[in-house]
C-alpha atoms as a PDB file:
ATOM      1  CA  MET A   1     -12.113  23.165  12.614  1.00  0.00           C
ATOM      2  CA  HIS A   2     -14.248  20.031  12.197  1.00  0.00           C
ATOM      3  CA  HIS A   3     -14.769  18.544   8.736  1.00  0.00           C
ATOM      4  CA  THR A   4     -16.970  15.810   7.277  1.00  0.00           C
ATOM      5  CA  TYR A   5     -16.204  14.333   3.867  1.00  0.00           C
ATOM      6  CA  LYS A   6     -18.466  11.971   1.917  1.00  0.00           C
ATOM      7  CA  THR A   7     -16.214   9.461   0.184  1.00  0.00           C
ATOM      8  CA  GLN A   8     -16.662   8.171  -3.362  1.00  0.00           C
ATOM      9  CA  GLY A   9     -15.644   4.788  -4.752  1.00  0.00           C
ATOM     10  CA  THR A  10     -14.638   3.201  -1.441  1.00  0.00           C
ATOM     11  CA  CYS A  11     -16.113   0.886   1.160  1.00  0.00           C
ATOM     12  CA  SER A  12     -16.008   3.684   3.709  1.00  0.00           C
ATOM     13  CA  THR A  13     -18.785   6.215   3.198  1.00  0.00           C
ATOM     14  CA  GLN A  14     -17.579   9.161   5.260  1.00  0.00           C
ATOM     15  CA  ILE A  15     -14.521  10.594   6.981  1.00  0.00           C
ATOM     16  CA  ASP A  16     -14.802  12.913   9.981  1.00  0.00           C
ATOM     17  CA  PHE A  17     -11.754  14.808  11.206  1.00  0.00           C
ATOM     18  CA  ASP A  18     -10.458  18.031  12.678  1.00  0.00           C
ATOM     19  CA  ILE A  19      -7.625  20.278  11.589  1.00  0.00           C
ATOM     20  CA  GLU A  20      -6.057  22.418  14.314  1.00  0.00           C
ATOM     21  CA  ASP A  21      -2.980  24.539  13.548  1.00  0.00           C
ATOM     22  CA  ASN A  22      -2.523  22.580  10.294  1.00  0.00           C
ATOM     23  CA  LYS A  23      -2.411  19.307  12.256  1.00  0.00           C
ATOM     24  CA  ILE A  24      -4.814  16.390  11.728  1.00  0.00           C
ATOM     25  CA  LYS A  25      -6.859  15.322  14.747  1.00  0.00           C
ATOM     26  CA  ASN A  26      -9.652  12.846  15.541  1.00  0.00           C
ATOM     27  CA  VAL A  27      -9.884  11.012  12.192  1.00  0.00           C
ATOM     28  CA  VAL A  28     -12.838   8.611  12.061  1.00  0.00           C
ATOM     29  CA  PHE A  29     -13.783   6.565   8.999  1.00  0.00           C
ATOM     30  CA  ILE A  30     -17.399   5.371   8.687  1.00  0.00           C
ATOM     31  CA  GLY A  31     -17.445   1.898   7.133  1.00  0.00           C
ATOM     32  CA  GLY A  32     -14.538   0.297   5.362  1.00  0.00           C
ATOM     33  CA  CYS A  33     -11.851  -2.027   6.713  1.00  0.00           C
ATOM     34  CA  ASN A  34     -12.125  -1.278  10.405  1.00  0.00           C
ATOM     35  CA  GLY A  35      -8.682  -2.406  11.561  1.00  0.00           C
ATOM     36  CA  ASN A  36      -6.765  -0.830   8.688  1.00  0.00           C
ATOM     37  CA  LEU A  37      -8.620   2.457   8.936  1.00  0.00           C
ATOM     38  CA  LYS A  38      -8.102   2.651  12.701  1.00  0.00           C
ATOM     39  CA  ALA A  39      -4.395   2.228  11.972  1.00  0.00           C
ATOM     40  CA  VAL A  40      -4.437   4.962   9.314  1.00  0.00           C
ATOM     41  CA  SER A  41      -6.183   7.260  11.788  1.00  0.00           C
ATOM     42  CA  LYS A  42      -3.500   6.620  14.419  1.00  0.00           C
ATOM     43  CA  LEU A  43      -0.671   7.101  11.929  1.00  0.00           C
ATOM     44  CA  VAL A  44      -1.886  10.514  10.731  1.00  0.00           C
ATOM     45  CA  GLU A  45      -2.879  11.876  14.170  1.00  0.00           C
ATOM     46  CA  GLY A  46      -0.983  15.088  14.907  1.00  0.00           C
ATOM     47  CA  LYS A  47       0.717  15.179  11.503  1.00  0.00           C
ATOM     48  CA  ASN A  48       0.768  18.112   9.084  1.00  0.00           C
ATOM     49  CA  ALA A  49      -2.389  17.976   6.950  1.00  0.00           C
ATOM     50  CA  GLN A  50      -0.724  19.116   3.705  1.00  0.00           C
ATOM     51  CA  GLU A  51       2.133  16.616   4.031  1.00  0.00           C
ATOM     52  CA  ILE A  52      -0.240  13.708   4.690  1.00  0.00           C
ATOM     53  CA  ALA A  53      -2.494  14.772   1.788  1.00  0.00           C
ATOM     54  CA  GLU A  54       0.476  14.689  -0.596  1.00  0.00           C
ATOM     55  CA  LEU A  55       1.746  11.382   0.803  1.00  0.00           C
ATOM     56  CA  LEU A  56      -1.594   9.555   0.434  1.00  0.00           C
ATOM     57  CA  LYS A  57      -2.703  11.145  -2.850  1.00  0.00           C
ATOM     58  CA  GLY A  58      -3.272   8.620  -5.635  1.00  0.00           C
ATOM     59  CA  ASN A  59      -3.149   5.506  -3.434  1.00  0.00           C
ATOM     60  CA  THR A  60      -5.400   2.790  -4.910  1.00  0.00           C
ATOM     61  CA  CYS A  61      -7.219  -0.235  -3.471  1.00  0.00           C
ATOM     62  CA  GLY A  62      -7.161  -3.360  -5.640  1.00  0.00           C
ATOM     63  CA  SER A  63      -8.579  -2.523  -9.048  1.00  0.00           C
ATOM     64  CA  LYS A  64     -10.334   0.620  -7.775  1.00  0.00           C
ATOM     65  CA  PRO A  65      -8.935   3.958  -8.967  1.00  0.00           C
ATOM     66  CA  THR A  66      -9.059   5.293  -5.381  1.00  0.00           C
ATOM     67  CA  SER A  67      -8.788   4.077  -1.797  1.00  0.00           C
ATOM     68  CA  CYS A  68      -9.777   5.207   1.676  1.00  0.00           C
ATOM     69  CA  ALA A  69      -6.308   6.756   2.023  1.00  0.00           C
ATOM     70  CA  ASP A  70      -6.727   8.590  -1.308  1.00  0.00           C
ATOM     71  CA  GLN A  71     -10.146   9.783  -0.176  1.00  0.00           C
ATOM     72  CA  LEU A  72      -8.576  11.083   3.045  1.00  0.00           C
ATOM     73  CA  SER A  73      -6.076  12.968   0.883  1.00  0.00           C
ATOM     74  CA  LYS A  74      -8.931  14.545  -1.093  1.00  0.00           C
ATOM     75  CA  ALA A  75     -10.764  15.368   2.140  1.00  0.00           C
ATOM     76  CA  LEU A  76      -7.693  17.038   3.616  1.00  0.00           C
ATOM     77  CA  LEU A  77      -7.003  19.080   0.482  1.00  0.00           C
ATOM     78  CA  GLU A  78     -10.629  20.240   0.375  1.00  0.00           C
ATOM     79  CA  ALA A  79     -10.529  21.144   4.070  1.00  0.00           C
ATOM     80  CA  ILE A  80      -7.258  23.046   3.691  1.00  0.00           C
ATOM     81  CA  GLN A  81      -8.733  25.021   0.800  1.00  0.00           C
ATOM     82  CA  LYS A  82     -11.874  25.852   2.821  1.00  0.00           C
ATOM     83  CA  GLU A  83      -9.839  26.946   5.823  1.00  0.00           C
ATOM     84  CA  ASN A  84      -7.637  29.207   3.678  1.00  0.00           C
ATOM     85  CA  HIS A  85     -10.583  31.081   2.163  1.00  0.00           C
END
């Protein structure tokens, strides 16, 4: 299922991704640090959504209380909840 998440508190403004059989697919960040976020997208591709959400949860960026990775965690947890209901 395709998901779109509007980020908060980060340079990226949106994350688009799919979850198929609990696996993360096609992650695209809109805005943010292009090279780093392309790398994050490659690293999570095909991985278990719940495991990645737990791994990235709480990651910060500089003095910000969140990060693009933390926002991906929130997006994944929200998507998992939606898919389970």
